[in-house]
Amino acid sequence: MLDARQEFRHFEILRLGPDGQERWGAVSGTPIFDAGGHFCGYRGVGTDITEPKRLEQERLRLSLHIEELSRRMVQAQEEIRRRFSRELHDRTSPNLAALRINLDMITKASPAERSTEVFAGRVEDTRALIEDTTLSVREICAELHPPVIDCGGLFAVVQSYAQQFARRTGLQVHVECQHGEVRLANDLELALFRIVQEALTNSAKHAQARTLTVLLQLDSSPMVVMVADDGVGFDVENALKARHTAGLGLINMRETAEFAGGSFTLQSVPGHGTRICVEI
């Protein structure tokens, strides 16, 4: 372009400054000719665009990061759907099959058979199967969207889930919250509950813990949600280096916190338990 001796606008140049740092500049120039039409040089101006360039690169980085988060959130949602699909199948299909067998036998029973204890036992068994199936469906629906969160908020739903979790796993779960009446945006409450839910599940699966503690500081700035266990712990640095093989639960918690506009920290030492903390 310079050899062609043509006008140019906003030509970007990258160079090193006196401090050794990269600096971006934008230059514009107009060729100058003498009276005889001979080229004399260029007249132009230059502008330091390092900061706009930095902001542009930061926007690009954030855009790529959001794309990655979105992709992983879709993966997490698919994993949740698969999990609930398995639960729905495993917890209801056997009951429904047994119900069909019972109903077939009940409808085919003769008047004489209907007066026997065997027939009465089959009717009672059918009633029990219906009740068990109904309970299973309710529990699965509560896992998908716990109704307590709509009327009671984050503290209420965490406390309710902790009690169910303790009965199911045999672990001791303590929930601490000084201002449980504080309500947050619906989406934020659900996101934080999912993080607590995932953290408790991870502890039950991997930590070999006996006691778990959930701390909610809903009136502080930043707001804090913390889950700690007294389990075996692990080497965090090695776990983060092996991100591609890290558990989906850890990735889900981190990215759910980031989507909610917060930060996620993980602390663990082999033999001394694990603690996750979300600040918003």
C-alpha atoms as a PDB file:
ATOM      1  CA  MET A   1       0.000   0.000   0.000  1.00  0.00           C
ATOM      2  CA  LEU A   2       2.824   2.395   0.833  1.00  0.00           C
ATOM      3  CA  ASP A   3       4.670   1.483  -2.343  1.00  0.00           C
ATOM      4  CA  ALA A   4       1.520   2.237  -4.322  1.00  0.00           C
ATOM      5  CA  ARG A   5       1.563   5.745  -2.769  1.00  0.00           C
ATOM      6  CA  GLN A   6      -2.136   5.679  -2.060  1.00  0.00           C
ATOM      7  CA  GLU A   7      -4.115   7.154   0.803  1.00  0.00           C
ATOM      8  CA  PHE A   8      -4.783   4.754   3.687  1.00  0.00           C
ATOM      9  CA  ARG A   9      -7.031   4.902   6.743  1.00  0.00           C
ATOM     10  CA  HIS A  10      -6.839   3.233  10.166  1.00  0.00           C
ATOM     11  CA  PHE A  11      -3.979   0.892   9.343  1.00  0.00           C
ATOM     12  CA  GLU A  12      -3.306  -1.121  12.523  1.00  0.00           C
ATOM     13  CA  ILE A  13       0.246  -1.723  13.703  1.00  0.00           C
ATOM     14  CA  LEU A  14       1.501  -3.847  16.590  1.00  0.00           C
ATOM     15  CA  ARG A  15       4.832  -2.882  18.150  1.00  0.00           C
ATOM     16  CA  LEU A  16       6.720  -3.089  21.433  1.00  0.00           C
ATOM     17  CA  GLY A  17       6.760  -0.016  23.647  1.00  0.00           C
ATOM     18  CA  PRO A  18       9.744   1.235  25.668  1.00  0.00           C
ATOM     19  CA  ASP A  19       8.578  -0.900  28.586  1.00  0.00           C
ATOM     20  CA  GLY A  20       8.597  -4.054  26.462  1.00  0.00           C
ATOM     21  CA  GLN A  21       4.794  -4.266  26.419  1.00  0.00           C
ATOM     22  CA  GLU A  22       2.843  -4.697  23.201  1.00  0.00           C
ATOM     23  CA  ARG A  23       1.184  -1.526  21.951  1.00  0.00           C
ATOM     24  CA  TRP A  24      -1.375  -1.209  19.178  1.00  0.00           C
ATOM     25  CA  GLY A  25      -1.569   1.853  16.952  1.00  0.00           C
ATOM     26  CA  ALA A  26      -3.848   2.975  14.121  1.00  0.00           C
ATOM     27  CA  VAL A  27      -2.356   5.250  11.485  1.00  0.00           C
ATOM     28  CA  SER A  28      -3.872   7.140   8.564  1.00  0.00           C
ATOM     29  CA  GLY A  29      -1.871   8.836   5.838  1.00  0.00           C
ATOM     30  CA  THR A  30      -2.160  10.878   2.662  1.00  0.00           C
ATOM     31  CA  PRO A  31       0.605  10.935   0.005  1.00  0.00           C
ATOM     32  CA  ILE A  32       2.281  14.301  -0.715  1.00  0.00           C
ATOM     33  CA  PHE A  33       3.500  15.292  -4.166  1.00  0.00           C
ATOM     34  CA  ASP A  34       5.455  18.342  -5.303  1.00  0.00           C
ATOM     35  CA  ALA A  35       4.466  20.695  -8.077  1.00  0.00           C
ATOM     36  CA  GLY A  36       6.039  18.384 -10.607  1.00  0.00           C
ATOM     37  CA  GLY A  37       4.005  15.419  -9.411  1.00  0.00           C
ATOM     38  CA  HIS A  38       6.927  13.729  -7.677  1.00  0.00           C
ATOM     39  CA  PHE A  39       6.181  11.778  -4.536  1.00  0.00           C
ATOM     40  CA  CYS A  40       7.595  13.459  -1.422  1.00  0.00           C
ATOM     41  CA  GLY A  41       6.249  11.310   1.360  1.00  0.00           C
ATOM     42  CA  TYR A  42       3.202  10.858   3.572  1.00  0.00           C
ATOM     43  CA  ARG A  43       1.394  13.175   5.917  1.00  0.00           C
ATOM     44  CA  GLY A  44      -0.684  11.435   8.528  1.00  0.00           C
ATOM     45  CA  VAL A  45      -1.711  10.842  12.120  1.00  0.00           C
ATOM     46  CA  GLY A  46      -1.401   7.920  14.490  1.00  0.00           C
ATOM     47  CA  THR A  47      -3.561   6.922  17.466  1.00  0.00           C
ATOM     48  CA  ASP A  48      -2.812   4.562  20.336  1.00  0.00           C
ATOM     49  CA  ILE A  49      -5.582   1.946  20.263  1.00  0.00           C
ATOM     50  CA  THR A  50      -4.052  -0.451  22.807  1.00  0.00           C
ATOM     51  CA  GLU A  51      -6.940  -0.103  25.256  1.00  0.00           C
ATOM     52  CA  PRO A  52      -9.720  -0.565  22.647  1.00  0.00           C
ATOM     53  CA  LYS A  53      -7.808  -3.588  21.339  1.00  0.00           C
ATOM     54  CA  ARG A  54      -7.536  -5.011  24.846  1.00  0.00           C
ATOM     55  CA  LEU A  55     -11.268  -4.532  25.375  1.00  0.00           C
ATOM     56  CA  GLU A  56     -11.997  -6.164  22.021  1.00  0.00           C
ATOM     57  CA  GLN A  57      -9.843  -9.167  22.905  1.00  0.00           C
ATOM     58  CA  GLU A  58     -11.513  -9.374  26.324  1.00  0.00           C
ATOM     59  CA  ARG A  59     -14.958  -9.313  24.701  1.00  0.00           C
ATOM     60  CA  LEU A  60     -13.847 -12.103  22.366  1.00  0.00           C
ATOM     61  CA  ARG A  61     -12.513 -14.125  25.300  1.00  0.00           C
ATOM     62  CA  LEU A  62     -15.751 -13.669  27.220  1.00  0.00           C
ATOM     63  CA  SER A  63     -17.797 -14.551  24.155  1.00  0.00           C
ATOM     64  CA  LEU A  64     -15.866 -17.804  23.715  1.00  0.00           C
ATOM     65  CA  HIS A  65     -16.175 -18.490  27.419  1.00  0.00           C
ATOM     66  CA  ILE A  66     -19.945 -17.989  27.299  1.00  0.00           C
ATOM     67  CA  GLU A  67     -20.150 -20.317  24.304  1.00  0.00           C
ATOM     68  CA  GLU A  68     -18.233 -22.943  26.263  1.00  0.00           C
ATOM     69  CA  LEU A  69     -20.461 -22.448  29.296  1.00  0.00           C
ATOM     70  CA  SER A  70     -23.561 -22.763  27.137  1.00  0.00           C
ATOM     71  CA  ARG A  71     -22.267 -25.967  25.580  1.00  0.00           C
ATOM     72  CA  ARG A  72     -21.500 -27.469  28.972  1.00  0.00           C
ATOM     73  CA  MET A  73     -24.855 -26.378  30.379  1.00  0.00           C
ATOM     74  CA  VAL A  74     -26.582 -28.180  27.509  1.00  0.00           C
ATOM     75  CA  GLN A  75     -24.512 -31.264  28.332  1.00  0.00           C
ATOM     76  CA  ALA A  76     -25.459 -30.942  31.996  1.00  0.00           C
ATOM     77  CA  GLN A  77     -29.138 -30.599  31.126  1.00  0.00           C
ATOM     78  CA  GLU A  78     -28.950 -33.702  28.940  1.00  0.00           C
ATOM     79  CA  GLU A  79     -27.248 -35.603  31.747  1.00  0.00           C
ATOM     80  CA  ILE A  80     -30.016 -34.543  34.152  1.00  0.00           C
ATOM     81  CA  ARG A  81     -32.645 -35.684  31.671  1.00  0.00           C
ATOM     82  CA  ARG A  82     -30.914 -39.040  31.273  1.00  0.00           C
ATOM     83  CA  ARG A  83     -30.667 -39.458  35.034  1.00  0.00           C
ATOM     84  CA  PHE A  84     -34.334 -38.709  35.619  1.00  0.00           C
ATOM     85  CA  SER A  85     -35.285 -40.873  32.679  1.00  0.00           C
ATOM     86  CA  ARG A  86     -33.451 -43.779  34.289  1.00  0.00           C
ATOM     87  CA  GLU A  87     -35.042 -43.055  37.664  1.00  0.00           C
ATOM     88  CA  LEU A  88     -38.501 -42.817  36.150  1.00  0.00           C
ATOM     89  CA  HIS A  89     -38.005 -46.096  34.338  1.00  0.00           C
ATOM     90  CA  ASP A  90     -36.389 -47.972  37.229  1.00  0.00           C
ATOM     91  CA  ARG A  91     -38.820 -46.770  39.881  1.00  0.00           C
ATOM     92  CA  THR A  92     -42.098 -47.004  37.977  1.00  0.00           C
ATOM     93  CA  SER A  93     -41.777 -49.607  35.206  1.00  0.00           C
ATOM     94  CA  PRO A  94     -41.615 -52.662  37.538  1.00  0.00           C
ATOM     95  CA  ASN A  95     -44.645 -51.391  39.469  1.00  0.00           C
ATOM     96  CA  LEU A  96     -46.608 -50.727  36.298  1.00  0.00           C
ATOM     97  CA  ALA A  97     -45.785 -54.188  34.971  1.00  0.00           C
ATOM     98  CA  ALA A  98     -46.933 -55.759  38.247  1.00  0.00           C
ATOM     99  CA  LEU A  99     -50.092 -53.650  38.179  1.00  0.00           C
ATOM    100  CA  ARG A 100     -50.922 -54.891  34.696  1.00  0.00           C
ATOM    101  CA  ILE A 101     -50.500 -58.520  35.789  1.00  0.00           C
ATOM    102  CA  ASN A 102     -52.656 -57.945  38.882  1.00  0.00           C
ATOM    103  CA  LEU A 103     -55.390 -56.171  36.916  1.00  0.00           C
ATOM    104  CA  ASP A 104     -55.446 -58.930  34.294  1.00  0.00           C
ATOM    105  CA  MET A 105     -55.885 -61.546  37.007  1.00  0.00           C
ATOM    106  CA  ILE A 106     -58.496 -59.463  38.837  1.00  0.00           C
ATOM    107  CA  THR A 107     -60.615 -58.950  35.726  1.00  0.00           C
ATOM    108  CA  LYS A 108     -60.426 -62.643  34.846  1.00  0.00           C
ATOM    109  CA  ALA A 109     -61.290 -63.848  38.349  1.00  0.00           C
ATOM    110  CA  SER A 110     -64.561 -65.762  38.664  1.00  0.00           C
ATOM    111  CA  PRO A 111     -67.219 -64.754  41.234  1.00  0.00           C
ATOM    112  CA  ALA A 112     -66.083 -67.633  43.435  1.00  0.00           C
ATOM    113  CA  GLU A 113     -62.419 -66.544  43.264  1.00  0.00           C
ATOM    114  CA  ARG A 114     -63.344 -62.974  44.192  1.00  0.00           C
ATOM    115  CA  SER A 115     -64.423 -64.104  47.659  1.00  0.00           C
ATOM    116  CA  THR A 116     -61.089 -65.752  48.510  1.00  0.00           C
ATOM    117  CA  GLU A 117     -58.231 -64.389  50.604  1.00  0.00           C
ATOM    118  CA  VAL A 118     -55.917 -64.717  47.608  1.00  0.00           C
ATOM    119  CA  PHE A 119     -58.095 -62.323  45.626  1.00  0.00           C
ATOM    120  CA  ALA A 120     -58.282 -59.866  48.542  1.00  0.00           C
ATOM    121  CA  GLY A 121     -54.497 -60.007  48.873  1.00  0.00           C
ATOM    122  CA  ARG A 122     -54.068 -59.260  45.185  1.00  0.00           C
ATOM    123  CA  VAL A 123     -56.372 -56.230  45.455  1.00  0.00           C
ATOM    124  CA  GLU A 124     -54.387 -54.987  48.454  1.00  0.00           C
ATOM    125  CA  ASP A 125     -51.135 -55.562  46.577  1.00  0.00           C
ATOM    126  CA  THR A 126     -52.505 -53.528  43.678  1.00  0.00           C
ATOM    127  CA  ARG A 127     -53.428 -50.684  45.994  1.00  0.00           C
ATOM    128  CA  ALA A 128     -49.911 -50.733  47.508  1.00  0.00           C
ATOM    129  CA  LEU A 129     -48.318 -50.698  44.046  1.00  0.00           C
ATOM    130  CA  ILE A 130     -50.380 -47.653  43.068  1.00  0.00           C
ATOM    131  CA  GLU A 131     -49.390 -45.826  46.250  1.00  0.00           C
ATOM    132  CA  ASP A 132     -45.704 -46.663  45.784  1.00  0.00           C
ATOM    133  CA  THR A 133     -45.755 -45.560  42.143  1.00  0.00           C
ATOM    134  CA  THR A 134     -47.492 -42.307  43.046  1.00  0.00           C
ATOM    135  CA  LEU A 135     -44.894 -41.611  45.726  1.00  0.00           C
ATOM    136  CA  SER A 136     -42.050 -42.327  43.296  1.00  0.00           C
ATOM    137  CA  VAL A 137     -43.480 -39.926  40.699  1.00  0.00           C
ATOM    138  CA  ARG A 138     -43.921 -37.219  43.336  1.00  0.00           C
ATOM    139  CA  GLU A 139     -40.325 -37.637  44.494  1.00  0.00           C
ATOM    140  CA  ILE A 140     -39.027 -37.434  40.931  1.00  0.00           C
ATOM    141  CA  CYS A 141     -41.115 -34.305  40.272  1.00  0.00           C
ATOM    142  CA  ALA A 142     -39.781 -32.765  43.475  1.00  0.00           C
ATOM    143  CA  GLU A 143     -36.238 -33.454  42.271  1.00  0.00           C
ATOM    144  CA  LEU A 144     -36.975 -31.673  39.000  1.00  0.00           C
ATOM    145  CA  HIS A 145     -38.543 -28.644  40.678  1.00  0.00           C
ATOM    146  CA  PRO A 146     -39.068 -28.766  44.440  1.00  0.00           C
ATOM    147  CA  PRO A 147     -42.347 -26.981  45.281  1.00  0.00           C
ATOM    148  CA  VAL A 148     -40.931 -25.807  48.632  1.00  0.00           C
ATOM    149  CA  ILE A 149     -38.685 -23.324  46.830  1.00  0.00           C
ATOM    150  CA  ASP A 150     -41.652 -21.382  45.454  1.00  0.00           C
ATOM    151  CA  CYS A 151     -43.263 -20.707  48.812  1.00  0.00           C
ATOM    152  CA  GLY A 152     -40.361 -20.946  51.256  1.00  0.00           C
ATOM    153  CA  GLY A 153     -37.252 -19.810  49.414  1.00  0.00           C
ATOM    154  CA  LEU A 154     -33.702 -21.116  49.380  1.00  0.00           C
ATOM    155  CA  PHE A 155     -33.330 -21.860  53.092  1.00  0.00           C
ATOM    156  CA  ALA A 156     -36.594 -23.798  53.229  1.00  0.00           C
ATOM    157  CA  VAL A 157     -35.837 -25.944  50.186  1.00  0.00           C
ATOM    158  CA  VAL A 158     -32.253 -26.659  51.294  1.00  0.00           C
ATOM    159  CA  GLN A 159     -33.456 -27.635  54.772  1.00  0.00           C
ATOM    160  CA  SER A 160     -36.178 -29.882  53.334  1.00  0.00           C
ATOM    161  CA  TYR A 161     -33.800 -31.534  50.897  1.00  0.00           C
ATOM    162  CA  ALA A 162     -31.137 -31.995  53.592  1.00  0.00           C
ATOM    163  CA  GLN A 163     -33.610 -33.907  55.745  1.00  0.00           C
ATOM    164  CA  GLN A 164     -34.587 -36.196  52.860  1.00  0.00           C
ATOM    165  CA  PHE A 165     -30.928 -36.615  51.912  1.00  0.00           C
ATOM    166  CA  ALA A 166     -29.962 -37.553  55.472  1.00  0.00           C
ATOM    167  CA  ARG A 167     -32.727 -40.192  55.655  1.00  0.00           C
ATOM    168  CA  ARG A 168     -31.717 -41.627  52.296  1.00  0.00           C
ATOM    169  CA  THR A 169     -27.933 -41.739  52.876  1.00  0.00           C
ATOM    170  CA  GLY A 170     -27.562 -42.028  56.656  1.00  0.00           C
ATOM    171  CA  LEU A 171     -25.250 -38.993  56.705  1.00  0.00           C
ATOM    172  CA  GLN A 172     -25.630 -36.131  59.172  1.00  0.00           C
ATOM    173  CA  VAL A 173     -26.456 -32.884  57.404  1.00  0.00           C
ATOM    174  CA  HIS A 174     -26.457 -29.552  59.266  1.00  0.00           C
ATOM    175  CA  VAL A 175     -27.969 -26.466  57.635  1.00  0.00           C
ATOM    176  CA  GLU A 176     -27.007 -23.087  59.086  1.00  0.00           C
ATOM    177  CA  CYS A 177     -28.751 -19.853  58.089  1.00  0.00           C
ATOM    178  CA  GLN A 178     -29.330 -16.841  60.335  1.00  0.00           C
ATOM    179  CA  HIS A 179     -31.715 -15.044  57.993  1.00  0.00           C
ATOM    180  CA  GLY A 180     -33.739 -17.745  56.313  1.00  0.00           C
ATOM    181  CA  GLU A 181     -36.562 -15.325  55.550  1.00  0.00           C
ATOM    182  CA  VAL A 182     -34.464 -13.555  52.893  1.00  0.00           C
ATOM    183  CA  ARG A 183     -35.802 -14.194  49.384  1.00  0.00           C
ATOM    184  CA  LEU A 184     -33.783 -14.014  46.186  1.00  0.00           C
ATOM    185  CA  ALA A 185     -34.721 -13.976  42.525  1.00  0.00           C
ATOM    186  CA  ASN A 186     -36.404 -17.246  41.560  1.00  0.00           C
ATOM    187  CA  ASP A 187     -33.732 -18.233  39.040  1.00  0.00           C
ATOM    188  CA  LEU A 188     -30.954 -17.475  41.511  1.00  0.00           C
ATOM    189  CA  GLU A 189     -32.577 -19.505  44.297  1.00  0.00           C
ATOM    190  CA  LEU A 190     -32.964 -22.474  41.961  1.00  0.00           C
ATOM    191  CA  ALA A 191     -29.359 -22.201  40.708  1.00  0.00           C
ATOM    192  CA  LEU A 192     -27.977 -22.084  44.259  1.00  0.00           C
ATOM    193  CA  PHE A 193     -30.162 -25.005  45.302  1.00  0.00           C
ATOM    194  CA  ARG A 194     -28.827 -27.059  42.382  1.00  0.00           C
ATOM    195  CA  ILE A 195     -25.279 -26.310  43.526  1.00  0.00           C
ATOM    196  CA  VAL A 196     -26.078 -27.451  47.080  1.00  0.00           C
ATOM    197  CA  GLN A 197     -27.841 -30.527  45.714  1.00  0.00           C
ATOM    198  CA  GLU A 198     -24.839 -31.417  43.539  1.00  0.00           C
ATOM    199  CA  ALA A 199     -22.362 -30.809  46.362  1.00  0.00           C
ATOM    200  CA  LEU A 200     -24.250 -33.111  48.748  1.00  0.00           C
ATOM    201  CA  THR A 201     -24.533 -35.787  46.079  1.00  0.00           C
ATOM    202  CA  ASN A 202     -20.801 -35.594  45.329  1.00  0.00           C
ATOM    203  CA  SER A 203     -19.981 -35.936  49.025  1.00  0.00           C
ATOM    204  CA  ALA A 204     -22.199 -38.996  49.365  1.00  0.00           C
ATOM    205  CA  LYS A 205     -20.647 -40.605  46.285  1.00  0.00           C
ATOM    206  CA  HIS A 206     -16.962 -39.843  46.746  1.00  0.00           C
ATOM    207  CA  ALA A 207     -16.070 -38.274  50.099  1.00  0.00           C
ATOM    208  CA  GLN A 208     -16.715 -41.174  52.509  1.00  0.00           C
ATOM    209  CA  ALA A 209     -17.943 -38.458  54.872  1.00  0.00           C
ATOM    210  CA  ARG A 210     -20.009 -38.770  58.021  1.00  0.00           C
ATOM    211  CA  THR A 211     -21.106 -35.163  58.449  1.00  0.00           C
ATOM    212  CA  LEU A 212     -21.930 -32.406  55.978  1.00  0.00           C
ATOM    213  CA  THR A 213     -22.525 -28.735  56.737  1.00  0.00           C
ATOM    214  CA  VAL A 214     -24.416 -26.272  54.561  1.00  0.00           C
ATOM    215  CA  LEU A 215     -23.939 -22.588  55.381  1.00  0.00           C
ATOM    216  CA  LEU A 216     -26.201 -19.948  53.819  1.00  0.00           C
ATOM    217  CA  GLN A 217     -25.372 -16.251  54.310  1.00  0.00           C
ATOM    218  CA  LEU A 218     -28.204 -14.678  52.355  1.00  0.00           C
ATOM    219  CA  ASP A 219     -28.033 -11.198  53.891  1.00  0.00           C
ATOM    220  CA  SER A 220     -24.294 -10.611  53.402  1.00  0.00           C
ATOM    221  CA  SER A 221     -22.434  -8.888  50.590  1.00  0.00           C
ATOM    222  CA  PRO A 222     -21.250 -10.902  48.837  1.00  0.00           C
ATOM    223  CA  MET A 223     -23.860 -13.540  49.498  1.00  0.00           C
ATOM    224  CA  VAL A 224     -22.288 -16.883  50.444  1.00  0.00           C
ATOM    225  CA  VAL A 225     -23.349 -20.498  49.985  1.00  0.00           C
ATOM    226  CA  MET A 226     -20.905 -23.026  51.416  1.00  0.00           C
ATOM    227  CA  VAL A 227     -20.996 -26.829  51.624  1.00  0.00           C
ATOM    228  CA  ALA A 228     -18.330 -28.714  53.608  1.00  0.00           C
ATOM    229  CA  ASP A 229     -17.768 -32.360  54.521  1.00  0.00           C
ATOM    230  CA  ASP A 230     -15.411 -34.280  56.798  1.00  0.00           C
ATOM    231  CA  GLY A 231     -14.524 -36.862  54.172  1.00  0.00           C
ATOM    232  CA  VAL A 232     -11.290 -38.115  52.659  1.00  0.00           C
ATOM    233  CA  GLY A 233     -10.642 -35.027  50.533  1.00  0.00           C
ATOM    234  CA  PHE A 234      -8.512 -34.944  47.385  1.00  0.00           C
ATOM    235  CA  ASP A 235      -5.736 -33.027  45.608  1.00  0.00           C
ATOM    236  CA  VAL A 236      -7.467 -30.015  44.038  1.00  0.00           C
ATOM    237  CA  GLU A 237      -4.530 -29.029  41.818  1.00  0.00           C
ATOM    238  CA  ASN A 238      -4.345 -32.437  40.186  1.00  0.00           C
ATOM    239  CA  ALA A 239      -8.122 -32.520  39.800  1.00  0.00           C
ATOM    240  CA  LEU A 240      -8.134 -29.154  38.024  1.00  0.00           C
ATOM    241  CA  LYS A 241      -5.226 -30.168  35.769  1.00  0.00           C
ATOM    242  CA  ALA A 242      -7.228 -33.213  34.744  1.00  0.00           C
ATOM    243  CA  ARG A 243     -10.255 -31.050  33.889  1.00  0.00           C
ATOM    244  CA  HIS A 244     -11.093 -33.186  30.878  1.00  0.00           C
ATOM    245  CA  THR A 245     -11.514 -36.174  33.187  1.00  0.00           C
ATOM    246  CA  ALA A 246     -12.961 -34.262  36.131  1.00  0.00           C
ATOM    247  CA  GLY A 247     -16.381 -35.210  37.380  1.00  0.00           C
ATOM    248  CA  LEU A 248     -19.293 -33.569  35.659  1.00  0.00           C
ATOM    249  CA  GLY A 249     -20.695 -32.529  39.043  1.00  0.00           C
ATOM    250  CA  LEU A 250     -17.716 -30.268  39.831  1.00  0.00           C
ATOM    251  CA  ILE A 251     -17.880 -28.658  36.401  1.00  0.00           C
ATOM    252  CA  ASN A 252     -21.644 -28.159  36.717  1.00  0.00           C
ATOM    253  CA  MET A 253     -21.317 -26.414  40.090  1.00  0.00           C
ATOM    254  CA  ARG A 254     -18.614 -24.046  38.852  1.00  0.00           C
ATOM    255  CA  GLU A 255     -20.421 -23.122  35.673  1.00  0.00           C
ATOM    256  CA  THR A 256     -23.813 -22.758  37.365  1.00  0.00           C
ATOM    257  CA  ALA A 257     -22.195 -20.299  39.784  1.00  0.00           C
ATOM    258  CA  GLU A 258     -20.628 -18.368  36.896  1.00  0.00           C
ATOM    259  CA  PHE A 259     -23.923 -18.265  35.004  1.00  0.00           C
ATOM    260  CA  ALA A 260     -25.535 -16.828  38.140  1.00  0.00           C
ATOM    261  CA  GLY A 261     -22.928 -14.041  38.155  1.00  0.00           C
ATOM    262  CA  GLY A 262     -20.892 -15.417  41.035  1.00  0.00           C
ATOM    263  CA  SER A 263     -17.584 -17.092  41.777  1.00  0.00           C
ATOM    264  CA  PHE A 264     -16.877 -20.677  42.759  1.00  0.00           C
ATOM    265  CA  THR A 265     -13.987 -21.856  44.928  1.00  0.00           C
ATOM    266  CA  LEU A 266     -13.017 -25.378  45.896  1.00  0.00           C
ATOM    267  CA  GLN A 267     -10.822 -26.258  48.851  1.00  0.00           C
ATOM    268  CA  SER A 268      -9.770 -29.793  49.708  1.00  0.00           C
ATOM    269  CA  VAL A 269      -6.810 -31.575  51.267  1.00  0.00           C
ATOM    270  CA  PRO A 270      -6.378 -35.349  51.243  1.00  0.00           C
ATOM    271  CA  GLY A 271      -7.550 -36.630  54.611  1.00  0.00           C
ATOM    272  CA  HIS A 272      -9.131 -33.326  55.669  1.00  0.00           C
ATOM    273  CA  GLY A 273     -12.431 -33.035  53.822  1.00  0.00           C
ATOM    274  CA  THR A 274     -13.704 -30.763  51.086  1.00  0.00           C
ATOM    275  CA  ARG A 275     -15.382 -27.369  51.006  1.00  0.00           C
ATOM    276  CA  ILE A 276     -17.034 -25.580  48.101  1.00  0.00           C
ATOM    277  CA  CYS A 277     -17.993 -21.928  48.343  1.00  0.00           C
ATOM    278  CA  VAL A 278     -20.097 -19.761  46.052  1.00  0.00           C
ATOM    279  CA  GLU A 279     -20.064 -15.970  46.393  1.00  0.00           C
ATOM    280  CA  ILE A 280     -22.475 -13.682  44.564  1.00  0.00           C
END
